C-alpha cells in the first residue's frame, strides 16, 4: 500500500462526500493486535498496518468504504440481533453491504456466498448465519463455528461444506471485525443527523442510499411498544375490604381497593403467507409478554377465522399450528371486542384487507409486523386503528 488512509479520506472530500462525512465522525487509530485490516465502533476506525501493507491501494480504499458504509448503516451502534454472536453479526453486516455495493478489489461476502436470498435486512442475515454457526438451526448466541456441519453434509438452511469451511476459517477475522460493536443511541442519533445533511452520495448505489435513509428514520422496537402497551391498557377492578377504612365513614363501612389488571389477547397469523421461521419469532414475542408485566395472556391463532384459543399463565414450551389458509383480520378484532379484552396484539405480515373496527370498541390494538418490508407496505392503514411496530427490529 503506497497511499495512507489519510490521503484516501482527503481525496473523498471531493469524490465521495457521503463517505467522507461518515469517516469524519470517527477518529483513526492504529491497532496491531486485531485480526482484521479495518474495523469501526466506539467512535473510532481502527487499522492494522500488518494487513494493509499486503493489500493494493484499491483494496484498501474499498475496505475503508466498507467501514464508512457500515457506519452509515449504524451496524456498530445498533442493538445486537437477539441470540447472535460476534461472528454472526459481522458476517450479517458484510452480506448486507455486499448485497448492495459491488466490489472489484476487496473480498466481501454477499447472499450467494451462503446461498441466501437477496434484498433482506441485516438482522435477518445475522440470524441465518447464527443458525449455520450453531449447526442445529437454534442459535443461542454462543455459536463459535465448532458445531458447523462437517464436509459432505448439506441441509436446507444454506449450509454446505464450502460455507462451513469459510465460517471456520474466518472465525478470528469476523469476531475481531465486530469486537467494538455495542449499542450506542447517542452515536446513532449523531449519524442520523449526518445522513439527513448529505446531498451528494457519490458512488453509493441508489438502493443502498435508500437503506441508509430508511435506517435514519425512527424505528419502533416491539419491546418498547409491548412495555408501553401494557401501561396504556391497564384496567382497574374495585374490591371491598375490611382492612381499609371507608373514606366517608371510617371503619363503620368497608373500604375498597383497586386491583390493576390487564386482559390481553395475542392473535397470531398462521396463514399460508407466514413462514415457519416467522412463526417461531411470533411465539417468542408471545412468551416475552410475561417479561413485560403481563400475568396472563390469551392466545388465538387465525387465518380466515379464529382457529384455536389458549389461556397462558407462563411461557409456552411447544405449540401446534393450525390453519395455513387465507387471512382476515376481522375475526380476531371481532373476537377481542366481543370478549371484552383491554388490548389486542396482532402478529402478522399484514397481507389482508384492512378490517373495520366495531362501533364502541374500547380494546386497544398493537400491530407487530414480521419484517421491515411488511411494515413499509402496511403501516399506513394499520396506524388508523392502533400502534404499529416491527418484529425483526426482534
Protein backbone atom coordinates (compact mmCIF):
# COMPACT_ATOMS: atom_id res chain seq x y z
CA UNK A 1 0.00 0.00 0.00
CA UNK A 2 1.51 3.31 -1.07
CA UNK A 3 -1.35 5.67 -0.11
CA UNK A 4 -2.18 6.29 3.55
CA UNK A 5 -5.71 6.22 4.91
CA UNK A 6 -5.45 9.98 5.45
CA UNK A 7 -4.76 10.53 1.75
CA UNK A 8 -7.75 8.40 0.77
CA UNK A 9 -10.02 10.32 3.14
CA UNK A 10 -8.75 13.68 1.89
CA UNK A 11 -9.46 12.63 -1.69
CA UNK A 12 -13.01 11.64 -0.67
CA UNK A 13 -13.73 15.27 0.25
CA UNK A 14 -14.29 15.89 -3.48
CA UNK A 15 -15.13 12.43 -4.85
CA UNK A 16 -17.11 10.73 -2.05
CA UNK A 17 -18.72 13.40 0.16
CA UNK A 18 -21.07 10.94 1.89
CA UNK A 19 -18.27 8.55 2.82
CA UNK A 20 -16.08 11.49 3.83
CA UNK A 21 -18.77 12.72 6.25
CA UNK A 22 -19.11 9.24 7.72
CA UNK A 23 -15.41 8.67 8.49
CA UNK A 24 -15.01 12.22 9.84
CA UNK A 25 -17.34 11.30 12.70
CA UNK A 26 -14.70 8.81 13.89
CA UNK A 27 -11.06 9.03 14.89
CA UNK A 28 -8.47 6.93 13.02
CA UNK A 29 -6.36 4.76 15.32
CA UNK A 30 -3.76 2.02 14.84
CA UNK A 31 -4.28 -1.43 16.38
CA UNK A 32 -1.62 -4.01 15.54
CA UNK A 33 -3.21 -6.78 17.62
CA UNK A 34 -6.56 -7.15 15.84
CA UNK A 35 -7.09 -9.95 13.33
CA UNK A 36 -8.60 -7.83 10.54
CA UNK A 37 -7.39 -4.92 8.34
CA UNK A 38 -10.00 -2.35 9.43
CA UNK A 39 -12.90 -2.16 11.84
CA UNK A 40 -15.17 0.50 13.27
CA UNK A 41 -17.02 1.09 16.51
CA UNK A 42 -16.92 3.24 19.68
CA UNK A 43 -16.47 6.36 17.56
CA UNK A 44 -13.19 5.20 16.01
CA UNK A 45 -11.89 3.38 12.95
CA UNK A 46 -9.00 1.06 13.79
CA UNK A 47 -6.49 -0.27 11.27
CA UNK A 48 -3.79 -2.91 11.37
CA UNK A 49 -0.82 -1.89 9.14
CA UNK A 50 0.36 -5.50 9.03
CA UNK A 51 -2.71 -6.36 6.95
CA UNK A 52 -2.96 -3.13 4.95
CA UNK A 53 0.67 -3.32 3.75
CA UNK A 54 -0.17 -6.55 1.93
CA UNK A 55 -3.19 -5.08 0.16
CA UNK A 56 -3.35 -3.00 -3.01
CA UNK A 57 -4.31 0.68 -2.81
CA UNK A 58 -7.64 -0.12 -4.45
CA UNK A 59 -8.42 -2.92 -1.97
CA UNK A 60 -7.55 -0.68 0.98
CA UNK A 61 -9.87 2.05 -0.31
CA UNK A 62 -12.72 -0.42 -0.80
CA UNK A 63 -12.10 -1.80 2.70
CA UNK A 64 -12.34 1.72 4.12
CA UNK A 65 -15.52 2.28 2.06
CA UNK A 66 -16.97 -0.80 3.73
CA UNK A 67 -16.41 0.68 7.19
CA UNK A 68 -17.87 4.02 6.08
CA UNK A 69 -20.99 2.27 4.78
CA UNK A 70 -21.19 0.20 7.97
CA UNK A 71 -21.13 3.43 10.00
CA UNK A 72 -23.86 4.99 7.85
CA UNK A 73 -25.98 1.86 8.31
CA UNK A 74 -25.20 2.09 12.07
CA UNK A 75 -24.44 -1.62 12.40
CA UNK A 76 -21.76 -1.00 15.08
CA UNK A 77 -24.22 1.06 17.16
CA UNK A 78 -27.47 -0.91 16.97
CA UNK A 79 -28.81 -3.36 19.50
CA UNK A 80 -27.32 -6.72 18.53
CA UNK A 81 -29.86 -9.10 16.99
CA UNK A 82 -31.06 -11.46 19.70
CA UNK A 83 -29.10 -14.68 20.04
CA UNK A 84 -26.36 -13.70 17.58
CA UNK A 85 -22.65 -13.96 18.37
CA UNK A 86 -19.93 -11.56 17.20
CA UNK A 87 -19.12 -13.59 14.11
CA UNK A 88 -22.77 -13.82 13.05
CA UNK A 89 -23.37 -10.06 13.25
CA UNK A 90 -20.11 -9.29 11.44
CA UNK A 91 -20.93 -11.65 8.56
CA UNK A 92 -24.55 -10.42 8.51
CA UNK A 93 -23.29 -6.86 8.13
CA UNK A 94 -20.87 -7.85 5.36
CA UNK A 95 -23.61 -9.68 3.46
CA UNK A 96 -25.92 -6.66 3.69
CA UNK A 97 -23.23 -4.37 2.28
CA UNK A 98 -22.05 -6.91 -0.32
CA UNK A 99 -25.65 -7.32 -1.48
CA UNK A 100 -25.87 -3.59 -2.27
CA UNK A 101 -22.35 -2.48 -3.20
CA UNK A 102 -20.26 -4.11 -5.92
CA UNK A 103 -16.58 -4.63 -5.21
CA UNK A 104 -13.70 -5.03 -7.64
CA UNK A 105 -10.68 -5.50 -5.37
CA UNK A 106 -11.86 -6.15 -1.81
CA UNK A 107 -13.27 -9.60 -0.99
CA UNK A 108 -16.57 -9.40 0.89
CA UNK A 109 -19.46 -11.82 1.32
CA UNK A 110 -22.81 -11.41 -0.39
CA UNK A 111 -26.00 -13.52 -0.12
CA UNK A 112 -24.82 -16.00 -2.74
CA UNK A 113 -21.80 -16.86 -0.59
CA UNK A 114 -24.12 -18.64 1.86
CA UNK A 115 -26.93 -19.46 -0.57
CA UNK A 116 -29.27 -16.88 0.98
CA UNK A 117 -31.87 -14.75 -0.74
CA UNK A 118 -31.07 -11.19 -1.70
CA UNK A 119 -32.70 -7.98 -0.51
CA UNK A 120 -33.11 -8.91 3.15
CA UNK A 121 -32.16 -6.94 6.25
CA UNK A 122 -29.01 -7.02 8.34
CA UNK A 123 -30.82 -8.64 11.29
CA UNK A 124 -32.22 -11.37 9.05
CA UNK A 125 -28.81 -12.25 7.59
CA UNK A 126 -27.24 -12.25 11.05
CA UNK A 127 -29.78 -14.78 12.31
CA UNK A 128 -29.30 -17.04 9.31
CA UNK A 129 -25.53 -17.06 9.88
CA UNK A 130 -26.07 -17.77 13.58
CA UNK A 131 -28.16 -20.80 12.63
CA UNK A 132 -25.30 -22.07 10.47
CA UNK A 133 -22.82 -21.49 13.29
CA UNK A 134 -24.99 -23.31 15.80
CA UNK A 135 -25.37 -26.23 13.42
CA UNK A 136 -28.84 -27.19 14.67
CA UNK A 137 -30.68 -24.10 13.48
CA UNK A 138 -31.32 -22.96 17.04
CA UNK A 139 -28.82 -20.15 17.53
CA UNK A 140 -28.13 -19.39 21.19
CA UNK A 141 -25.74 -16.50 20.74
CA UNK A 142 -22.75 -18.67 21.66
CA UNK A 143 -22.06 -20.28 18.31
CA UNK A 144 -18.35 -20.33 17.53
CA UNK A 145 -18.31 -22.50 14.43
CA UNK A 146 -17.42 -25.73 16.28
CA UNK A 147 -20.84 -27.23 15.55
CA UNK A 148 -20.89 -26.41 11.87
CA UNK A 149 -21.87 -29.29 9.55
CA UNK A 150 -18.92 -31.41 8.57
CA UNK A 151 -17.81 -31.95 4.99
CA UNK A 152 -20.26 -33.93 2.94
CA UNK A 153 -23.35 -32.66 4.74
CA UNK A 154 -25.94 -30.39 3.26
CA UNK A 155 -29.31 -29.12 4.50
CA UNK A 156 -31.89 -26.56 3.55
CA UNK A 157 -30.59 -23.81 5.83
CA UNK A 158 -27.91 -22.56 3.43
CA UNK A 159 -25.21 -24.82 4.82
CA UNK A 160 -22.70 -26.65 2.64
CA UNK A 161 -19.15 -27.91 3.14
CA UNK A 162 -17.88 -24.73 1.48
CA UNK A 163 -19.87 -22.32 3.67
CA UNK A 164 -18.99 -24.28 6.81
CA UNK A 165 -15.30 -24.20 5.94
CA UNK A 166 -15.45 -20.48 5.16
CA UNK A 167 -17.01 -19.67 8.51
CA UNK A 168 -14.43 -21.77 10.35
CA UNK A 169 -11.51 -20.23 8.50
CA UNK A 170 -12.76 -16.67 9.05
CA UNK A 171 -13.77 -17.05 12.70
CA UNK A 172 -10.98 -14.93 14.19
CA UNK A 173 -11.27 -12.26 11.47
CA UNK A 174 -15.05 -11.96 11.77
CA UNK A 175 -15.02 -11.90 15.58
CA UNK A 176 -12.38 -9.16 15.55
CA UNK A 177 -14.34 -7.18 12.96
CA UNK A 178 -17.30 -6.67 15.33
CA UNK A 179 -15.23 -6.52 18.50
CA UNK A 180 -16.01 -2.83 19.10
CA UNK A 181 -19.74 -3.04 18.40
CA UNK A 182 -22.09 -2.03 21.20
CA UNK A 183 -25.42 -0.26 21.39
CA UNK A 184 -24.90 3.50 21.46
CA UNK A 185 -28.03 5.59 20.93
CA UNK A 186 -26.14 8.88 21.14
CA UNK A 187 -23.74 7.99 18.33
CA UNK A 188 -26.58 6.52 16.27
CA UNK A 189 -28.52 9.80 16.62
CA UNK A 190 -25.43 11.77 15.57
CA UNK A 191 -25.04 9.60 12.45
CA UNK A 192 -28.72 10.12 11.64
CA UNK A 193 -28.12 13.87 11.65
CA UNK A 194 -25.18 13.43 9.27
CA UNK A 195 -27.32 11.31 6.93
CA UNK A 196 -30.01 13.99 6.89
CA UNK A 197 -27.45 16.59 5.77
CA UNK A 198 -25.92 14.56 2.92
CA UNK A 199 -26.87 15.85 -0.53
CA UNK A 200 -24.27 14.14 -2.73
CA UNK A 201 -23.88 10.38 -2.24
CA UNK A 202 -21.04 9.88 -4.72
CA UNK A 203 -20.60 6.25 -5.82
CA UNK A 204 -23.04 4.84 -3.25
CA UNK A 205 -25.78 3.00 -5.23
CA UNK A 206 -29.31 4.35 -5.02
CA UNK A 207 -30.63 1.12 -3.47
CA UNK A 208 -28.12 1.38 -0.64
CA UNK A 209 -28.85 5.09 -0.19
CA UNK A 210 -32.49 4.17 0.40
CA UNK A 211 -31.48 1.60 3.03
CA UNK A 212 -29.28 4.17 4.77
CA UNK A 213 -32.03 6.79 4.72
CA UNK A 214 -34.54 4.25 5.99
CA UNK A 215 -32.20 3.34 8.86
CA UNK A 216 -32.17 7.01 9.85
CA UNK A 217 -35.95 7.13 10.22
CA UNK A 218 -37.37 6.44 13.63
CA UNK A 219 -37.70 2.71 14.16
CA UNK A 220 -40.01 1.27 16.76
CA UNK A 221 -38.78 -1.70 18.77
CA UNK A 222 -41.65 -4.02 19.61
CA UNK A 223 -40.18 -4.45 23.13
CA UNK A 224 -40.78 -0.79 23.89
CA UNK A 225 -44.23 -0.96 22.30
CA UNK A 226 -45.16 -4.03 24.35
CA UNK A 227 -43.94 -2.45 27.58
CA UNK A 228 -45.76 0.83 26.87
CA UNK A 229 -48.80 -1.01 25.54
CA UNK A 230 -49.36 -2.62 28.92
CA UNK A 231 -49.29 0.77 30.64
CA UNK A 232 -51.89 2.15 28.24
CA UNK A 233 -54.39 -0.69 28.68
CA UNK A 234 -54.36 -1.19 32.45
CA UNK A 235 -57.87 -1.74 33.75
CA UNK A 236 -58.84 -1.46 37.41
CA UNK A 237 -61.27 -3.55 39.40
CA UNK A 238 -62.75 -2.30 42.71
CA UNK A 239 -62.90 -4.75 45.62
CA UNK A 240 -64.34 -4.14 49.12
CA UNK A 241 -62.15 -4.88 52.15
CA UNK A 242 -62.43 -4.59 55.96
CA UNK A 243 -58.71 -3.89 56.15
CA UNK A 244 -59.04 -0.34 54.76
CA UNK A 245 -61.28 2.43 56.21
CA UNK A 246 -64.06 3.90 54.16
CA UNK A 247 -63.22 7.46 53.10
CA UNK A 248 -66.56 8.79 54.38
CA UNK A 249 -67.46 6.60 57.35
CA UNK A 250 -64.06 5.28 58.50
CA UNK A 251 -64.31 1.64 59.68
CA UNK A 252 -68.09 1.78 60.05
CA UNK A 253 -68.36 0.58 56.46
CA UNK A 254 -65.99 -1.42 54.30
CA UNK A 255 -63.31 0.41 52.40
CA UNK A 256 -62.20 -0.54 48.93
CA UNK A 257 -59.04 -1.24 46.99
CA UNK A 258 -58.44 -1.33 43.26
CA UNK A 259 -56.59 -4.17 41.63
CA UNK A 260 -55.00 -3.25 38.33
CA UNK A 261 -55.15 -5.98 35.73
CA UNK A 262 -54.68 -6.29 32.01
CA UNK A 263 -56.73 -8.62 29.87
CA UNK A 264 -54.56 -9.13 26.80
CA UNK A 265 -55.33 -11.12 23.66
CA UNK A 266 -52.49 -12.06 21.31
CA UNK A 267 -53.58 -13.02 17.79
CA UNK A 268 -51.01 -14.96 15.75
CA UNK A 269 -51.36 -15.00 11.96
CA UNK A 270 -50.96 -18.64 10.85
CA UNK A 271 -51.98 -18.10 7.22
CA UNK A 272 -50.09 -19.65 4.35
CA UNK A 273 -48.04 -16.49 3.72
CA UNK A 274 -46.32 -16.76 7.13
CA UNK A 275 -43.13 -18.85 7.13
CA UNK A 276 -42.33 -21.38 9.85
CA UNK A 277 -39.39 -19.24 10.89
CA UNK A 278 -41.64 -16.18 11.31
CA UNK A 279 -43.98 -18.27 13.44
CA UNK A 280 -41.06 -19.18 15.71
CA UNK A 281 -40.38 -15.48 16.24
CA UNK A 282 -44.08 -14.76 16.72
CA UNK A 283 -44.23 -17.20 19.61
CA UNK A 284 -41.06 -15.67 21.01
CA UNK A 285 -42.95 -12.37 21.19
CA UNK A 286 -45.84 -14.13 22.95
CA UNK A 287 -43.50 -15.58 25.56
CA UNK A 288 -41.83 -12.21 26.10
CA UNK A 289 -45.16 -10.73 27.24
CA UNK A 290 -44.59 -12.33 30.65
CA UNK A 291 -41.33 -10.38 30.98
CA UNK A 292 -43.18 -7.10 30.42
CA UNK A 293 -45.65 -7.30 33.28
CA UNK A 294 -48.48 -9.42 31.87
CA UNK A 295 -49.51 -12.10 34.39
CA UNK A 296 -51.67 -13.96 31.88
CA UNK A 297 -52.21 -13.91 28.14
CA UNK A 298 -54.95 -15.34 25.95
CA UNK A 299 -53.67 -16.60 22.61
CA UNK A 300 -55.57 -17.25 19.38
CA UNK A 301 -54.39 -18.47 16.01
CA UNK A 302 -56.14 -17.09 12.96
CA UNK A 303 -56.08 -17.21 9.18
CA UNK A 304 -59.53 -16.71 7.64
CA UNK A 305 -61.09 -17.31 11.04
CA UNK A 306 -60.16 -18.00 14.66
CA UNK A 307 -58.62 -21.48 14.84
CA UNK A 308 -57.55 -22.04 18.44
CA UNK A 309 -57.84 -20.32 21.81
CA UNK A 310 -55.38 -20.80 24.68
CA UNK A 311 -55.08 -19.15 28.10
CA UNK A 312 -51.45 -18.89 29.16
CA UNK A 313 -50.13 -18.32 32.67
CA UNK A 314 -46.49 -18.97 31.81
CA UNK A 315 -44.10 -19.33 28.89
CA UNK A 316 -45.12 -21.78 26.15
CA UNK A 317 -42.74 -24.69 25.60
CA UNK A 318 -44.37 -26.00 22.44
CA UNK A 319 -47.41 -25.34 20.28
CA UNK A 320 -49.33 -26.88 17.41
CA UNK A 321 -50.01 -24.58 14.45
CA UNK A 322 -53.40 -24.88 12.79
CA UNK A 323 -54.82 -23.12 9.74
CA UNK A 324 -52.33 -22.12 7.00
CA UNK A 325 -55.09 -20.76 4.76
CA UNK A 326 -56.02 -17.20 3.73
CA UNK A 327 -56.01 -14.17 6.03
CA UNK A 328 -58.71 -11.98 7.56
CA UNK A 329 -58.13 -9.55 10.43
CA UNK A 330 -61.83 -9.02 11.02
CA UNK A 331 -62.33 -12.23 13.02
CA UNK A 332 -59.67 -11.63 15.70
CA UNK A 333 -60.74 -7.99 16.08
CA UNK A 334 -64.40 -9.01 16.48
CA UNK A 335 -63.36 -11.74 18.94
CA UNK A 336 -61.43 -9.24 21.09
CA UNK A 337 -64.34 -6.80 21.07
CA UNK A 338 -66.99 -9.39 21.88
CA UNK A 339 -64.99 -10.91 24.76
CA UNK A 340 -64.11 -7.64 26.48
CA UNK A 341 -60.33 -7.57 26.10
CA UNK A 342 -58.37 -4.48 27.10
CA UNK A 343 -55.66 -4.95 24.48
CA UNK A 344 -55.12 -6.89 21.25
CA UNK A 345 -51.66 -7.67 19.90
CA UNK A 346 -51.74 -8.86 16.27
CA UNK A 347 -48.62 -10.59 14.89
CA UNK A 348 -48.76 -10.71 11.09
CA UNK A 349 -47.22 -9.92 7.72
CA UNK A 350 -50.14 -7.56 7.03
CA UNK A 351 -51.26 -9.07 3.74
CA UNK A 352 -55.04 -8.93 4.04
CA UNK A 353 -57.77 -6.29 3.60
CA UNK A 354 -57.97 -3.56 6.23
CA UNK A 355 -60.55 -4.57 8.86
CA UNK A 356 -63.37 -2.39 10.12
CA UNK A 357 -63.34 -1.51 13.80
CA UNK A 358 -66.64 -2.32 15.59
CA UNK A 359 -68.57 0.64 16.94
CA UNK A 360 -67.83 1.24 20.61
CA UNK A 361 -64.75 -0.98 20.65
CA UNK A 362 -62.59 0.00 23.64
CA UNK A 363 -59.89 -2.63 23.11
CA UNK A 364 -56.58 -1.04 22.07
CA UNK A 365 -54.70 -2.63 19.18
CA UNK A 366 -50.98 -3.02 18.51
CA UNK A 367 -49.81 -4.46 15.19
CA UNK A 368 -46.47 -6.31 15.08
CA UNK A 369 -45.19 -6.75 11.51
CA UNK A 370 -42.83 -9.64 10.83
CA UNK A 371 -40.22 -7.53 8.99
CA UNK A 372 -39.43 -4.04 7.74
CA UNK A 373 -40.74 -4.78 4.26
CA UNK A 374 -44.18 -5.66 5.59
CA UNK A 375 -44.14 -2.63 7.89
CA UNK A 376 -43.38 -0.30 4.97
CA UNK A 377 -46.20 -1.84 2.92
CA UNK A 378 -48.94 -1.73 5.56
CA UNK A 379 -48.16 0.65 8.43
CA UNK A 380 -50.22 3.50 6.92
CA UNK A 381 -53.55 1.71 7.21
CA UNK A 382 -52.57 -0.11 10.42
CA UNK A 383 -51.92 3.21 12.17
CA UNK A 384 -55.57 4.13 11.66
CA UNK A 385 -56.56 1.52 14.26
CA UNK A 386 -53.58 1.30 16.64
CA UNK A 387 -49.85 1.26 17.22
CA UNK A 388 -47.50 -0.40 14.71
CA UNK A 389 -44.02 -1.82 15.16
CA UNK A 390 -41.59 -4.26 13.53
CA UNK A 391 -40.82 -7.67 14.97
CA UNK A 392 -37.41 -8.06 13.46
CA UNK A 393 -36.19 -4.84 14.55
CA UNK A 394 -36.64 -8.65 17.49
